[in-house]
């Protein structure tokens, strides 16, 4: 159990070290000003996406989260430049997630990526 606590502590420290206050402030500004927010995730990240969308809804922000990748891409096609897409992916390399993000970008949507990989 001590090993698990240490792993979780290390993960939290790595996360806080990777975060930039300016980047977080910009993400909050984008989310607060969005008409709609699509939250995308596949597998375990889909559960995180669903939970995040629920929290946004509780704040009064219209949020959409679907677990099916085909539906995620279809929703991304309906987004406008007044919307924001949040992509959650541990690796930042999942093909379906990348297609949804590219589709949103083609619509002029700002995309916020939450990954473990700094350069993804």
PDB file of N, CA and C in Angstrom:
ATOM      1  N   UNK A   1       0.823  -1.203   0.000  1.00  0.00           N
ATOM      2  CA  UNK A   1       0.000   0.000   0.000  1.00  0.00           C
ATOM      3  C   UNK A   1       0.863   1.261   0.000  1.00  0.00           C
ATOM      4  N   UNK A   2       2.031   1.197   0.615  1.00  0.00           N
ATOM      5  CA  UNK A   2       2.922   2.360   0.618  1.00  0.00           C
ATOM      6  C   UNK A   2       3.428   2.664  -0.791  1.00  0.00           C
ATOM      7  N   UNK A   3       3.665   1.597  -1.570  1.00  0.00           N
ATOM      8  CA  UNK A   3       4.119   1.784  -2.948  1.00  0.00           C
ATOM      9  C   UNK A   3       3.051   2.513  -3.763  1.00  0.00           C
ATOM     10  N   UNK A   4       1.793   2.137  -3.584  1.00  0.00           N
ATOM     11  CA  UNK A   4       0.692   2.787  -4.292  1.00  0.00           C
ATOM     12  C   UNK A   4       0.587   4.260  -3.908  1.00  0.00           C
ATOM     13  N   UNK A   5       0.695   4.553  -2.627  1.00  0.00           N
ATOM     14  CA  UNK A   5       0.645   5.945  -2.162  1.00  0.00           C
ATOM     15  C   UNK A   5       1.788   6.739  -2.781  1.00  0.00           C
ATOM     16  N   UNK A   6       2.979   6.152  -2.823  1.00  0.00           N
ATOM     17  CA  UNK A   6       4.134   6.837  -3.407  1.00  0.00           C
ATOM     18  C   UNK A   6       3.935   7.087  -4.896  1.00  0.00           C
ATOM     19  N   UNK A   7       3.386   6.099  -5.616  1.00  0.00           N
ATOM     20  CA  UNK A   7       3.131   6.266  -7.051  1.00  0.00           C
ATOM     21  C   UNK A   7       2.135   7.390  -7.303  1.00  0.00           C
ATOM     22  N   UNK A   8       1.069   7.434  -6.504  1.00  0.00           N
ATOM     23  CA  UNK A   8       0.049   8.481  -6.665  1.00  0.00           C
ATOM     24  C   UNK A   8       0.627   9.847  -6.320  1.00  0.00           C
ATOM     25  N   UNK A   9       1.436   9.908  -5.282  1.00  0.00           N
ATOM     26  CA  UNK A   9       2.079  11.165  -4.897  1.00  0.00           C
ATOM     27  C   UNK A   9       3.007  11.643  -6.001  1.00  0.00           C
ATOM     28  N   UNK A  10       3.807  10.738  -6.543  1.00  0.00           N
ATOM     29  CA  UNK A  10       4.707  11.091  -7.644  1.00  0.00           C
ATOM     30  C   UNK A  10       3.928  11.600  -8.852  1.00  0.00           C
ATOM     31  N   UNK A  11       2.810  10.949  -9.161  1.00  0.00           N
ATOM     32  CA  UNK A  11       1.985  11.375 -10.300  1.00  0.00           C
ATOM     33  C   UNK A  11       1.439  12.782 -10.081  1.00  0.00           C
ATOM     34  N   UNK A  12       1.000  13.084  -8.859  1.00  0.00           N
ATOM     35  CA  UNK A  12       0.482  14.430  -8.569  1.00  0.00           C
ATOM     36  C   UNK A  12       1.586  15.477  -8.680  1.00  0.00           C
ATOM     37  N   UNK A  13       2.770  15.151  -8.198  1.00  0.00           N
ATOM     38  CA  UNK A  13       3.894  16.088  -8.284  1.00  0.00           C
ATOM     39  C   UNK A  13       4.265  16.333  -9.743  1.00  0.00           C
ATOM     40  N   UNK A  14       4.322  15.275 -10.548  1.00  0.00           N
ATOM     41  CA  UNK A  14       4.628  15.431 -11.974  1.00  0.00           C
ATOM     42  C   UNK A  14       3.575  16.280 -12.669  1.00  0.00           C
ATOM     43  N   UNK A  15       2.319  16.089 -12.294  1.00  0.00           N
ATOM     44  CA  UNK A  15       1.232  16.868 -12.899  1.00  0.00           C
ATOM     45  C   UNK A  15       1.372  18.343 -12.565  1.00  0.00           C
ATOM     46  N   UNK A  16       1.585  18.661 -11.299  1.00  0.00           N
ATOM     47  CA  UNK A  16       1.700  20.075 -10.919  1.00  0.00           C
ATOM     48  C   UNK A  16       2.948  20.709 -11.521  1.00  0.00           C
ATOM     49  N   UNK A  17       4.020  19.948 -11.664  1.00  0.00           N
ATOM     50  CA  UNK A  17       5.231  20.484 -12.290  1.00  0.00           C
ATOM     51  C   UNK A  17       5.025  20.764 -13.774  1.00  0.00           C
ATOM     52  N   UNK A  18       4.147  20.010 -14.416  1.00  0.00           N
ATOM     53  CA  UNK A  18       3.912  20.167 -15.855  1.00  0.00           C
ATOM     54  C   UNK A  18       2.949  21.304 -16.170  1.00  0.00           C
ATOM     55  N   UNK A  19       2.179  21.747 -15.182  1.00  0.00           N
ATOM     56  CA  UNK A  19       1.164  22.770 -15.432  1.00  0.00           C
ATOM     57  C   UNK A  19       1.751  24.170 -15.430  1.00  0.00           C
ATOM     58  N   UNK A  20       1.250  24.991 -16.312  1.00  0.00           N
ATOM     59  CA  UNK A  20       1.617  26.399 -16.375  1.00  0.00           C
ATOM     60  C   UNK A  20       0.394  27.213 -15.963  1.00  0.00           C
ATOM     61  N   UNK A  21       0.580  28.189 -15.092  1.00  0.00           N
ATOM     62  CA  UNK A  21      -0.532  29.027 -14.651  1.00  0.00           C
ATOM     63  C   UNK A  21      -1.167  29.745 -15.833  1.00  0.00           C
ATOM     64  N   UNK A  22      -0.348  30.249 -16.754  1.00  0.00           N
ATOM     65  CA  UNK A  22      -0.881  30.947 -17.930  1.00  0.00           C
ATOM     66  C   UNK A  22      -1.727  30.015 -18.795  1.00  0.00           C
ATOM     67  N   UNK A  23      -1.259  28.788 -18.981  1.00  0.00           N
ATOM     68  CA  UNK A  23      -2.001  27.821 -19.787  1.00  0.00           C
ATOM     69  C   UNK A  23      -3.330  27.476 -19.126  1.00  0.00           C
ATOM     70  N   UNK A  24      -3.311  27.257 -17.819  1.00  0.00           N
ATOM     71  CA  UNK A  24      -4.550  26.946 -17.092  1.00  0.00           C
ATOM     72  C   UNK A  24      -5.525  28.112 -17.146  1.00  0.00           C
ATOM     73  N   UNK A  25      -5.024  29.330 -16.987  1.00  0.00           N
ATOM     74  CA  UNK A  25      -5.875  30.518 -17.045  1.00  0.00           C
ATOM     75  C   UNK A  25      -6.518  30.650 -18.420  1.00  0.00           C
ATOM     76  N   UNK A  26      -5.747  30.402 -19.475  1.00  0.00           N
ATOM     77  CA  UNK A  26      -6.283  30.477 -20.841  1.00  0.00           C
ATOM     78  C   UNK A  26      -7.346  29.402 -21.073  1.00  0.00           C
ATOM     79  N   UNK A  27      -7.110  28.202 -20.573  1.00  0.00           N
ATOM     80  CA  UNK A  27      -8.094  27.121 -20.721  1.00  0.00           C
ATOM     81  C   UNK A  27      -9.398  27.480 -20.008  1.00  0.00           C
ATOM     82  N   UNK A  28      -9.296  28.032 -18.822  1.00  0.00           N
ATOM     83  CA  UNK A  28     -10.493  28.446 -18.078  1.00  0.00           C
ATOM     84  C   UNK A  28     -11.233  29.540 -18.835  1.00  0.00           C
ATOM     85  N   UNK A  29     -10.498  30.489 -19.386  1.00  0.00           N
ATOM     86  CA  UNK A  29     -11.119  31.573 -20.158  1.00  0.00           C
ATOM     87  C   UNK A  29     -11.875  31.010 -21.363  1.00  0.00           C
ATOM     88  N   UNK A  30     -11.252  30.068 -22.062  1.00  0.00           N
ATOM     89  CA  UNK A  30     -11.898  29.458 -23.228  1.00  0.00           C
ATOM     90  C   UNK A  30     -13.168  28.705 -22.832  1.00  0.00           C
ATOM     91  N   UNK A  31     -13.076  27.923 -21.763  1.00  0.00           N
ATOM     92  CA  UNK A  31     -14.236  27.154 -21.317  1.00  0.00           C
ATOM     93  C   UNK A  31     -15.371  28.066 -20.869  1.00  0.00           C
ATOM     94  N   UNK A  32     -15.022  29.115 -20.149  1.00  0.00           N
ATOM     95  CA  UNK A  32     -16.037  30.042 -19.632  1.00  0.00           C
ATOM     96  C   UNK A  32     -16.747  30.790 -20.757  1.00  0.00           C
ATOM     97  N   UNK A  33     -16.041  31.052 -21.851  1.00  0.00           N
ATOM     98  CA  UNK A  33     -16.627  31.813 -22.953  1.00  0.00           C
ATOM     99  C   UNK A  33     -17.235  30.968 -24.055  1.00  0.00           C
ATOM    100  N   UNK A  34     -17.168  29.648 -23.908  1.00  0.00           N
ATOM    101  CA  UNK A  34     -17.637  28.759 -24.974  1.00  0.00           C
ATOM    102  C   UNK A  34     -19.157  28.681 -25.036  1.00  0.00           C
ATOM    103  N   UNK A  35     -19.661  28.576 -26.248  1.00  0.00           N
ATOM    104  CA  UNK A  35     -21.084  28.305 -26.439  1.00  0.00           C
ATOM    105  C   UNK A  35     -21.387  26.865 -26.012  1.00  0.00           C
ATOM    106  N   UNK A  36     -20.578  25.921 -26.518  1.00  0.00           N
ATOM    107  CA  UNK A  36     -20.679  24.508 -26.148  1.00  0.00           C
ATOM    108  C   UNK A  36     -19.273  23.957 -25.958  1.00  0.00           C
ATOM    109  N   UNK A  37     -19.158  22.948 -25.119  1.00  0.00           N
ATOM    110  CA  UNK A  37     -17.880  22.272 -24.910  1.00  0.00           C
ATOM    111  C   UNK A  37     -18.077  20.787 -25.192  1.00  0.00           C
ATOM    112  N   UNK A  38     -17.304  20.276 -26.142  1.00  0.00           N
ATOM    113  CA  UNK A  38     -17.299  18.837 -26.389  1.00  0.00           C
ATOM    114  C   UNK A  38     -16.100  18.257 -25.659  1.00  0.00           C
ATOM    115  N   UNK A  39     -16.341  17.216 -24.860  1.00  0.00           N
ATOM    116  CA  UNK A  39     -15.260  16.556 -24.134  1.00  0.00           C
ATOM    117  C   UNK A  39     -15.091  15.163 -24.736  1.00  0.00           C
ATOM    118  N   UNK A  40     -13.874  14.877 -25.207  1.00  0.00           N
ATOM    119  CA  UNK A  40     -13.583  13.651 -25.951  1.00  0.00           C
ATOM    120  C   UNK A  40     -12.605  12.777 -25.170  1.00  0.00           C
ATOM    121  N   UNK A  41     -12.890  11.493 -25.110  1.00  0.00           N
ATOM    122  CA  UNK A  41     -11.983  10.527 -24.512  1.00  0.00           C
ATOM    123  C   UNK A  41     -12.406   9.128 -24.922  1.00  0.00           C
ATOM    124  N   UNK A  42     -11.452   8.223 -25.027  1.00  0.00           N
ATOM    125  CA  UNK A  42     -11.706   6.828 -25.398  1.00  0.00           C
ATOM    126  C   UNK A  42     -11.221   5.936 -24.252  1.00  0.00           C
ATOM    127  N   UNK A  43     -11.900   4.823 -24.024  1.00  0.00           N
ATOM    128  CA  UNK A  43     -11.493   3.887 -22.972  1.00  0.00           C
ATOM    129  C   UNK A  43     -11.625   4.514 -21.597  1.00  0.00           C
ATOM    130  N   UNK A  44     -10.584   4.376 -20.785  1.00  0.00           N
ATOM    131  CA  UNK A  44     -10.593   4.955 -19.443  1.00  0.00           C
ATOM    132  C   UNK A  44     -10.747   6.459 -19.466  1.00  0.00           C
ATOM    133  N   UNK A  45     -10.216   7.092 -20.488  1.00  0.00           N
ATOM    134  CA  UNK A  45     -10.343   8.549 -20.619  1.00  0.00           C
ATOM    135  C   UNK A  45     -11.782   8.966 -20.910  1.00  0.00           C
ATOM    136  N   UNK A  46     -12.588   8.054 -21.453  1.00  0.00           N
ATOM    137  CA  UNK A  46     -13.996   8.369 -21.717  1.00  0.00           C
ATOM    138  C   UNK A  46     -14.749   8.587 -20.411  1.00  0.00           C
ATOM    139  N   UNK A  47     -14.400   7.821 -19.391  1.00  0.00           N
ATOM    140  CA  UNK A  47     -15.036   8.006 -18.088  1.00  0.00           C
ATOM    141  C   UNK A  47     -14.658   9.356 -17.492  1.00  0.00           C
ATOM    142  N   UNK A  48     -13.404   9.727 -17.631  1.00  0.00           N
ATOM    143  CA  UNK A  48     -12.951  11.033 -17.163  1.00  0.00           C
ATOM    144  C   UNK A  48     -13.651  12.134 -17.938  1.00  0.00           C
ATOM    145  N   UNK A  49     -13.796  11.952 -19.247  1.00  0.00           N
ATOM    146  CA  UNK A  49     -14.478  12.944 -20.090  1.00  0.00           C
ATOM    147  C   UNK A  49     -15.929  13.116 -19.656  1.00  0.00           C
ATOM    148  N   UNK A  50     -16.604  12.012 -19.392  1.00  0.00           N
ATOM    149  CA  UNK A  50     -18.009  12.067 -18.970  1.00  0.00           C
ATOM    150  C   UNK A  50     -18.131  12.812 -17.637  1.00  0.00           C
ATOM    151  N   UNK A  51     -17.259  12.502 -16.700  1.00  0.00           N
ATOM    152  CA  UNK A  51     -17.280  13.165 -15.391  1.00  0.00           C
ATOM    153  C   UNK A  51     -16.997  14.657 -15.530  1.00  0.00           C
ATOM    154  N   UNK A  52     -16.017  15.015 -16.363  1.00  0.00           N
ATOM    155  CA  UNK A  52     -15.689  16.426 -16.568  1.00  0.00           C
ATOM    156  C   UNK A  52     -16.866  17.164 -17.202  1.00  0.00           C
ATOM    157  N   UNK A  53     -17.519  16.533 -18.167  1.00  0.00           N
ATOM    158  CA  UNK A  53     -18.668  17.183 -18.806  1.00  0.00           C
ATOM    159  C   UNK A  53     -19.790  17.404 -17.797  1.00  0.00           C
ATOM    160  N   UNK A  54     -19.977  16.460 -16.893  1.00  0.00           N
ATOM    161  CA  UNK A  54     -20.995  16.613 -15.850  1.00  0.00           C
ATOM    162  C   UNK A  54     -20.661  17.794 -14.946  1.00  0.00           C
ATOM    163  N   UNK A  55     -19.388  17.939 -14.599  1.00  0.00           N
ATOM    164  CA  UNK A  55     -18.978  19.068 -13.753  1.00  0.00           C
ATOM    165  C   UNK A  55     -19.196  20.399 -14.481  1.00  0.00           C
ATOM    166  N   UNK A  56     -18.916  20.432 -15.780  1.00  0.00           N
ATOM    167  CA  UNK A  56     -19.174  21.647 -16.559  1.00  0.00           C
ATOM    168  C   UNK A  56     -20.666  21.966 -16.580  1.00  0.00           C
ATOM    169  N   UNK A  57     -21.496  20.952 -16.763  1.00  0.00           N
ATOM    170  CA  UNK A  57     -22.946  21.151 -16.758  1.00  0.00           C
ATOM    171  C   UNK A  57     -23.411  21.728 -15.424  1.00  0.00           C
ATOM    172  N   UNK A  58     -22.842  21.251 -14.323  1.00  0.00           N
ATOM    173  CA  UNK A  58     -23.209  21.773 -13.003  1.00  0.00           C
ATOM    174  C   UNK A  58     -22.824  23.238 -12.860  1.00  0.00           C
ATOM    175  N   UNK A  59     -21.824  23.676 -13.629  1.00  0.00           N
ATOM    176  CA  UNK A  59     -21.407  25.084 -13.624  1.00  0.00           C
ATOM    177  C   UNK A  59     -22.220  25.923 -14.603  1.00  0.00           C
ATOM    178  N   UNK A  60     -23.139  25.290 -15.324  1.00  0.00           N
ATOM    179  CA  UNK A  60     -23.968  26.012 -16.283  1.00  0.00           C
ATOM    180  C   UNK A  60     -23.366  26.111 -17.670  1.00  0.00           C
ATOM    181  N   UNK A  61     -22.338  25.309 -17.939  1.00  0.00           N
ATOM    182  CA  UNK A  61     -21.685  25.300 -19.250  1.00  0.00           C
ATOM    183  C   UNK A  61     -22.218  24.107 -20.044  1.00  0.00           C
ATOM    184  N   UNK A  62     -22.762  24.363 -21.228  1.00  0.00           N
ATOM    185  CA  UNK A  62     -23.286  23.282 -22.059  1.00  0.00           C
ATOM    186  C   UNK A  62     -22.132  22.387 -22.503  1.00  0.00           C
ATOM    187  N   UNK A  63     -22.192  21.118 -22.113  1.00  0.00           N
ATOM    188  CA  UNK A  63     -21.101  20.188 -22.401  1.00  0.00           C
ATOM    189  C   UNK A  63     -21.657  18.895 -22.982  1.00  0.00           C
ATOM    190  N   UNK A  64     -20.907  18.330 -23.927  1.00  0.00           N
ATOM    191  CA  UNK A  64     -21.284  17.089 -24.603  1.00  0.00           C
ATOM    192  C   UNK A  64     -20.157  16.078 -24.437  1.00  0.00           C
ATOM    193  N   UNK A  65     -20.502  14.864 -24.054  1.00  0.00           N
ATOM    194  CA  UNK A  65     -19.496  13.803 -23.963  1.00  0.00           C
ATOM    195  C   UNK A  65     -20.138  12.488 -24.366  1.00  0.00           C
ATOM    196  N   UNK A  66     -19.621  11.891 -25.405  1.00  0.00           N
ATOM    197  CA  UNK A  66     -20.085  10.587 -25.886  1.00  0.00           C
ATOM    198  C   UNK A  66     -18.903   9.631 -25.891  1.00  0.00           C
ATOM    199  N   UNK A  67     -19.161   8.369 -25.590  1.00  0.00           N
ATOM    200  CA  UNK A  67     -18.074   7.399 -25.537  1.00  0.00           C
ATOM    201  C   UNK A  67     -17.731   6.802 -26.893  1.00  0.00           C
ATOM    202  N   UNK A  68     -18.674   6.775 -27.818  1.00  0.00           N
ATOM    203  CA  UNK A  68     -18.443   6.192 -29.137  1.00  0.00           C
ATOM    204  C   UNK A  68     -17.629   7.152 -30.000  1.00  0.00           C
ATOM    205  N   UNK A  69     -16.523   6.673 -30.544  1.00  0.00           N
ATOM    206  CA  UNK A  69     -15.634   7.547 -31.319  1.00  0.00           C
ATOM    207  C   UNK A  69     -16.301   8.092 -32.577  1.00  0.00           C
ATOM    208  N   UNK A  70     -17.175   7.312 -33.198  1.00  0.00           N
ATOM    209  CA  UNK A  70     -17.862   7.800 -34.398  1.00  0.00           C
ATOM    210  C   UNK A  70     -18.795   8.957 -34.053  1.00  0.00           C
ATOM    211  N   UNK A  71     -19.458   8.868 -32.910  1.00  0.00           N
ATOM    212  CA  UNK A  71     -20.336   9.952 -32.458  1.00  0.00           C
ATOM    213  C   UNK A  71     -19.500  11.173 -32.083  1.00  0.00           C
ATOM    214  N   UNK A  72     -18.342  10.959 -31.458  1.00  0.00           N
ATOM    215  CA  UNK A  72     -17.457  12.073 -31.107  1.00  0.00           C
ATOM    216  C   UNK A  72     -17.056  12.855 -32.358  1.00  0.00           C
ATOM    217  N   UNK A  73     -16.706  12.137 -33.410  1.00  0.00           N
ATOM    218  CA  UNK A  73     -16.304  12.793 -34.660  1.00  0.00           C
ATOM    219  C   UNK A  73     -17.492  13.512 -35.290  1.00  0.00           C
ATOM    220  N   UNK A  74     -18.664  12.892 -35.253  1.00  0.00           N
ATOM    221  CA  UNK A  74     -19.869  13.532 -35.801  1.00  0.00           C
ATOM    222  C   UNK A  74     -20.201  14.813 -35.042  1.00  0.00           C
ATOM    223  N   UNK A  75     -20.084  14.779 -33.725  1.00  0.00           N
ATOM    224  CA  UNK A  75     -20.324  15.990 -32.933  1.00  0.00           C
ATOM    225  C   UNK A  75     -19.297  17.054 -33.289  1.00  0.00           C
ATOM    226  N   UNK A  76     -18.033  16.661 -33.438  1.00  0.00           N
ATOM    227  CA  UNK A  76     -16.974  17.623 -33.780  1.00  0.00           C
ATOM    228  C   UNK A  76     -17.289  18.353 -35.079  1.00  0.00           C
ATOM    229  N   UNK A  77     -17.942  17.671 -36.015  1.00  0.00           N
ATOM    230  CA  UNK A  77     -18.318  18.305 -37.287  1.00  0.00           C
ATOM    231  C   UNK A  77     -19.364  19.401 -37.098  1.00  0.00           C
ATOM    232  N   UNK A  78     -20.123  19.346 -36.002  1.00  0.00           N
ATOM    233  CA  UNK A  78     -21.180  20.340 -35.760  1.00  0.00           C
ATOM    234  C   UNK A  78     -20.692  21.536 -34.956  1.00  0.00           C
ATOM    235  N   UNK A  79     -19.461  21.474 -34.463  1.00  0.00           N
ATOM    236  CA  UNK A  79     -18.941  22.560 -33.636  1.00  0.00           C
ATOM    237  C   UNK A  79     -18.660  23.798 -34.477  1.00  0.00           C
ATOM    238  N   UNK A  80     -18.671  24.943 -33.812  1.00  0.00           N
ATOM    239  CA  UNK A  80     -18.401  26.224 -34.465  1.00  0.00           C
ATOM    240  C   UNK A  80     -17.231  26.902 -33.760  1.00  0.00           C
ATOM    241  N   UNK A  81     -16.708  27.986 -34.327  1.00  0.00           N
ATOM    242  CA  UNK A  81     -15.607  28.696 -33.668  1.00  0.00           C
ATOM    243  C   UNK A  81     -15.957  29.245 -32.277  1.00  0.00           C
ATOM    244  N   UNK A  82     -17.233  29.279 -31.935  1.00  0.00           N
ATOM    245  CA  UNK A  82     -17.634  29.728 -30.597  1.00  0.00           C
ATOM    246  C   UNK A  82     -17.611  28.586 -29.578  1.00  0.00           C
ATOM    247  N   UNK A  83     -17.306  27.387 -30.035  1.00  0.00           N
ATOM    248  CA  UNK A  83     -17.271  26.208 -29.171  1.00  0.00           C
ATOM    249  C   UNK A  83     -15.828  25.848 -28.831  1.00  0.00           C
ATOM    250  N   UNK A  84     -15.675  24.952 -27.865  1.00  0.00           N
ATOM    251  CA  UNK A  84     -14.361  24.460 -27.444  1.00  0.00           C
ATOM    252  C   UNK A  84     -14.443  22.941 -27.359  1.00  0.00           C
ATOM    253  N   UNK A  85     -13.360  22.297 -27.728  1.00  0.00           N
ATOM    254  CA  UNK A  85     -13.264  20.850 -27.564  1.00  0.00           C
ATOM    255  C   UNK A  85     -12.147  20.556 -26.570  1.00  0.00           C
ATOM    256  N   UNK A  86     -12.437  19.695 -25.603  1.00  0.00           N
ATOM    257  CA  UNK A  86     -11.431  19.231 -24.649  1.00  0.00           C
ATOM    258  C   UNK A  86     -11.163  17.769 -24.967  1.00  0.00           C
ATOM    259  N   UNK A  87      -9.908  17.458 -25.242  1.00  0.00           N
ATOM    260  CA  UNK A  87      -9.513  16.093 -25.588  1.00  0.00           C
ATOM    261  C   UNK A  87      -8.705  15.528 -24.426  1.00  0.00           C
ATOM    262  N   UNK A  88      -9.147  14.380 -23.919  1.00  0.00           N
ATOM    263  CA  UNK A  88      -8.462  13.726 -22.806  1.00  0.00           C
ATOM    264  C   UNK A  88      -7.883  12.414 -23.318  1.00  0.00           C
ATOM    265  N   UNK A  89      -6.554  12.293 -23.223  1.00  0.00           N
ATOM    266  CA  UNK A  89      -5.876  11.084 -23.694  1.00  0.00           C
ATOM    267  C   UNK A  89      -4.569  10.927 -22.939  1.00  0.00           C
ATOM    268  N   UNK A  90      -4.365   9.781 -22.319  1.00  0.00           N
ATOM    269  CA  UNK A  90      -3.134   9.570 -21.567  1.00  0.00           C
ATOM    270  C   UNK A  90      -1.911   9.731 -22.464  1.00  0.00           C
ATOM    271  N   UNK A  91      -1.933   9.095 -23.623  1.00  0.00           N
ATOM    272  CA  UNK A  91      -0.766   9.125 -24.516  1.00  0.00           C
ATOM    273  C   UNK A  91      -0.770  10.330 -25.447  1.00  0.00           C
ATOM    274  N   UNK A  92      -1.965  10.819 -25.774  1.00  0.00           N
ATOM    275  CA  UNK A  92      -2.069  11.884 -26.767  1.00  0.00           C
ATOM    276  C   UNK A  92      -1.895  11.368 -28.184  1.00  0.00           C
ATOM    277  N   UNK A  93      -1.927  10.041 -28.353  1.00  0.00           N
ATOM    278  CA  UNK A  93      -1.662   9.439 -29.659  1.00  0.00           C
ATOM    279  C   UNK A  93      -2.791   8.548 -30.165  1.00  0.00           C
ATOM    280  N   UNK A  94      -3.893   8.472 -29.458  1.00  0.00           N
ATOM    281  CA  UNK A  94      -5.009   7.597 -29.863  1.00  0.00           C
ATOM    282  C   UNK A  94      -5.634   8.123 -31.148  1.00  0.00           C
ATOM    283  N   UNK A  95      -5.675   7.295 -32.193  1.00  0.00           N
ATOM    284  CA  UNK A  95      -6.105   7.721 -33.529  1.00  0.00           C
ATOM    285  C   UNK A  95      -7.497   8.351 -33.535  1.00  0.00           C
ATOM    286  N   UNK A  96      -8.471   7.707 -32.892  1.00  0.00           N
ATOM    287  CA  UNK A  96      -9.839   8.229 -32.891  1.00  0.00           C
ATOM    288  C   UNK A  96      -9.922   9.609 -32.246  1.00  0.00           C
ATOM    289  N   UNK A  97      -9.174   9.791 -31.179  1.00  0.00           N
ATOM    290  CA  UNK A  97      -9.160  11.078 -30.480  1.00  0.00           C
ATOM    291  C   UNK A  97      -8.517  12.144 -31.367  1.00  0.00           C
ATOM    292  N   UNK A  98      -7.442  11.775 -32.039  1.00  0.00           N
ATOM    293  CA  UNK A  98      -6.767  12.722 -32.932  1.00  0.00           C
ATOM    294  C   UNK A  98      -7.665  13.121 -34.100  1.00  0.00           C
ATOM    295  N   UNK A  99      -8.442  12.181 -34.624  1.00  0.00           N
ATOM    296  CA  UNK A  99      -9.374  12.501 -35.716  1.00  0.00           C
ATOM    297  C   UNK A  99     -10.438  13.479 -35.230  1.00  0.00           C
ATOM    298  N   UNK A 100     -10.970  13.255 -34.033  1.00  0.00           N
ATOM    299  CA  UNK A 100     -11.974  14.173 -33.477  1.00  0.00           C
ATOM    300  C   UNK A 100     -11.381  15.567 -33.296  1.00  0.00           C
ATOM    301  N   UNK A 101     -10.135  15.643 -32.821  1.00  0.00           N
ATOM    302  CA  UNK A 101      -9.482  16.941 -32.626  1.00  0.00           C
ATOM    303  C   UNK A 101      -9.225  17.637 -33.962  1.00  0.00           C
ATOM    304  N   UNK A 102      -8.752  16.896 -34.946  1.00  0.00           N
ATOM    305  CA  UNK A 102      -8.516  17.481 -36.274  1.00  0.00           C
ATOM    306  C   UNK A 102      -9.820  17.970 -36.896  1.00  0.00           C
ATOM    307  N   UNK A 103     -10.882  17.197 -36.716  1.00  0.00           N
ATOM    308  CA  UNK A 103     -12.193  17.589 -37.239  1.00  0.00           C
ATOM    309  C   UNK A 103     -12.647  18.894 -36.599  1.00  0.00           C
ATOM    310  N   UNK A 104     -12.465  19.017 -35.293  1.00  0.00           N
ATOM    311  CA  UNK A 104     -12.838  20.254 -34.593  1.00  0.00           C
ATOM    312  C   UNK A 104     -12.004  21.430 -35.088  1.00  0.00           C
ATOM    313  N   UNK A 105     -10.706  21.217 -35.245  1.00  0.00           N
ATOM    314  CA  UNK A 105      -9.833  22.294 -35.737  1.00  0.00           C
ATOM    315  C   UNK A 105     -10.269  22.770 -37.117  1.00  0.00           C
ATOM    316  N   UNK A 106     -10.698  21.838 -37.962  1.00  0.00           N
ATOM    317  CA  UNK A 106     -11.175  22.203 -39.305  1.00  0.00           C
ATOM    318  C   UNK A 106     -12.402  23.110 -39.238  1.00  0.00           C
ATOM    319  N   UNK A 107     -13.144  23.038 -38.139  1.00  0.00           N
ATOM    320  CA  UNK A 107     -14.328  23.879 -37.954  1.00  0.00           C
ATOM    321  C   UNK A 107     -13.971  25.215 -37.292  1.00  0.00           C
ATOM    322  N   UNK A 108     -12.682  25.433 -37.008  1.00  0.00           N
ATOM    323  CA  UNK A 108     -12.243  26.667 -36.358  1.00  0.00           C
ATOM    324  C   UNK A 108     -12.393  26.646 -34.847  1.00  0.00           C
ATOM    325  N   UNK A 109     -12.475  25.457 -34.281  1.00  0.00           N
ATOM    326  CA  UNK A 109     -12.693  25.283 -32.846  1.00  0.00           C
ATOM    327  C   UNK A 109     -11.356  25.284 -32.105  1.00  0.00           C
ATOM    328  N   UNK A 110     -11.329  25.913 -30.934  1.00  0.00           N
ATOM    329  CA  UNK A 110     -10.158  25.836 -30.060  1.00  0.00           C
ATOM    330  C   UNK A 110     -10.184  24.468 -29.379  1.00  0.00           C
ATOM    331  N   UNK A 111      -9.035  23.788 -29.374  1.00  0.00           N
ATOM    332  CA  UNK A 111      -8.933  22.457 -28.786  1.00  0.00           C
ATOM    333  C   UNK A 111      -7.975  22.509 -27.600  1.00  0.00           C
ATOM    334  N   UNK A 112      -8.449  22.017 -26.467  1.00  0.00           N
ATOM    335  CA  UNK A 112      -7.632  21.908 -25.257  1.00  0.00           C
ATOM    336  C   UNK A 112      -7.298  20.433 -25.083  1.00  0.00           C
ATOM    337  N   UNK A 113      -6.015  20.100 -25.022  1.00  0.00           N
ATOM    338  CA  UNK A 113      -5.589  18.706 -24.867  1.00  0.00           C
ATOM    339  C   UNK A 113      -5.095  18.462 -23.448  1.00  0.00           C
ATOM    340  N   UNK A 114      -5.632  17.425 -22.823  1.00  0.00           N
ATOM    341  CA  UNK A 114      -5.176  16.992 -21.503  1.00  0.00           C
ATOM    342  C   UNK A 114      -4.534  15.628 -21.679  1.00  0.00           C
ATOM    343  N   UNK A 115      -3.201  15.591 -21.618  1.00  0.00           N
ATOM    344  CA  UNK A 115      -2.465  14.346 -21.828  1.00  0.00           C
ATOM    345  C   UNK A 115      -1.335  14.244 -20.817  1.00  0.00           C
ATOM    346  N   UNK A 116      -0.708  13.089 -20.784  1.00  0.00           N
ATOM    347  CA  UNK A 116       0.471  12.940 -19.930  1.00  0.00           C
ATOM    348  C   UNK A 116       1.731  13.346 -20.678  1.00  0.00           C
ATOM    349  N   UNK A 117       1.628  13.458 -21.991  1.00  0.00           N
ATOM    350  CA  UNK A 117       2.785  13.789 -22.824  1.00  0.00           C
ATOM    351  C   UNK A 117       2.823  15.290 -23.079  1.00  0.00           C
ATOM    352  N   UNK A 118       3.849  15.941 -22.632  1.00  0.00           N
ATOM    353  CA  UNK A 118       3.948  17.398 -22.703  1.00  0.00           C
ATOM    354  C   UNK A 118       3.873  17.927 -24.140  1.00  0.00           C
ATOM    355  N   UNK A 119       4.441  17.204 -25.100  1.00  0.00           N
ATOM    356  CA  UNK A 119       4.503  17.702 -26.479  1.00  0.00           C
ATOM    357  C   UNK A 119       3.365  17.205 -27.357  1.00  0.00           C
ATOM    358  N   UNK A 120       2.388  16.511 -26.793  1.00  0.00           N
ATOM    359  CA  UNK A 120       1.304  15.972 -27.627  1.00  0.00           C
ATOM    360  C   UNK A 120       0.241  17.021 -27.900  1.00  0.00           C
TER     361      UNK A 120
END
